[in-house]
């Protein structure tokens, strides 16, 4: 079977059998197409690929200036692909088995400190859509949402009385996350004063709408967040808001298992990276302020 046909079969498996999100499948497709193209240039057959071929490819990406996160994601895509090829009896040995990302490629998630987050939440924009944008920012930070989760929130997902939100995460897995009262007040203000104007007598199940009364897109929110960050003097991305949620909770003494559930991580080892972030911050504060640290 041709290499690209194998890729197509894998992507279909991810969609139908594993029920992965469209964004995840698209990411796999982009990563694996690039890898297959590389193999073709090297005249290496996918089914005869060796560990050295994969190592050489990852080193090539690094030399081209790819970020640590991109290389780690590529390796993750390769692991899933080769596991599928074994499952489908196309190969007998997994060339990625035991393959660990070199530590120098790993990058800790970047989070805003408390002061930066405070500046961001206190800004006031002249935009007529400010009520929506600040409500989205508040909710993202209050619940540690991914931007893809934020734009998919529907009205029925919010429980104002109980103070929680139902979130549909990766692989359509649902989780329940508590919402702060201050955040709920922001959302209520948006619902009462702006959302009806955006709808213009139309109907929509989605909580956050664009100026055409349709669901907000990830790209539009990113642009709006960038504008808010610029006004506050803070360099920020949507993913940094999620990282800040996790880091600030841990610094406040939150339980790691509780944080895992709120973030929607299937494996607690993914959540544990935030303990490293918190310890690094603690060490910096110690070195900065303790009189005997220098």
Foldseek 3Di string as FASTA:
>chain_A
DDPVVLLVVLLVCCCPPLVWDPVLSVLLVVLVVVLVVVCVVVVHDPQRDALVSLVVVLVVCVVVPDALVSSVSSLVSLQSSQVVCCVVVSHPDRRCVPPDDPPVSDDFAAADDPVLLVLLLPDDDPDPCRLLLSLLLLQCLQQLDQLVFSLQFFPVQDDLVVQWGWTQDTSRDIAITGGDNVSVVSLVCCVPPPLVCQCVPHDDRTSHADNVNHGDDSVVSQVVSCVSCVVSVHDDGSNNSSLNSLLVCVLVPDDLVVSCRSNVPPDSVVSCSSVVVNVVVVVVVCCVPPPPND
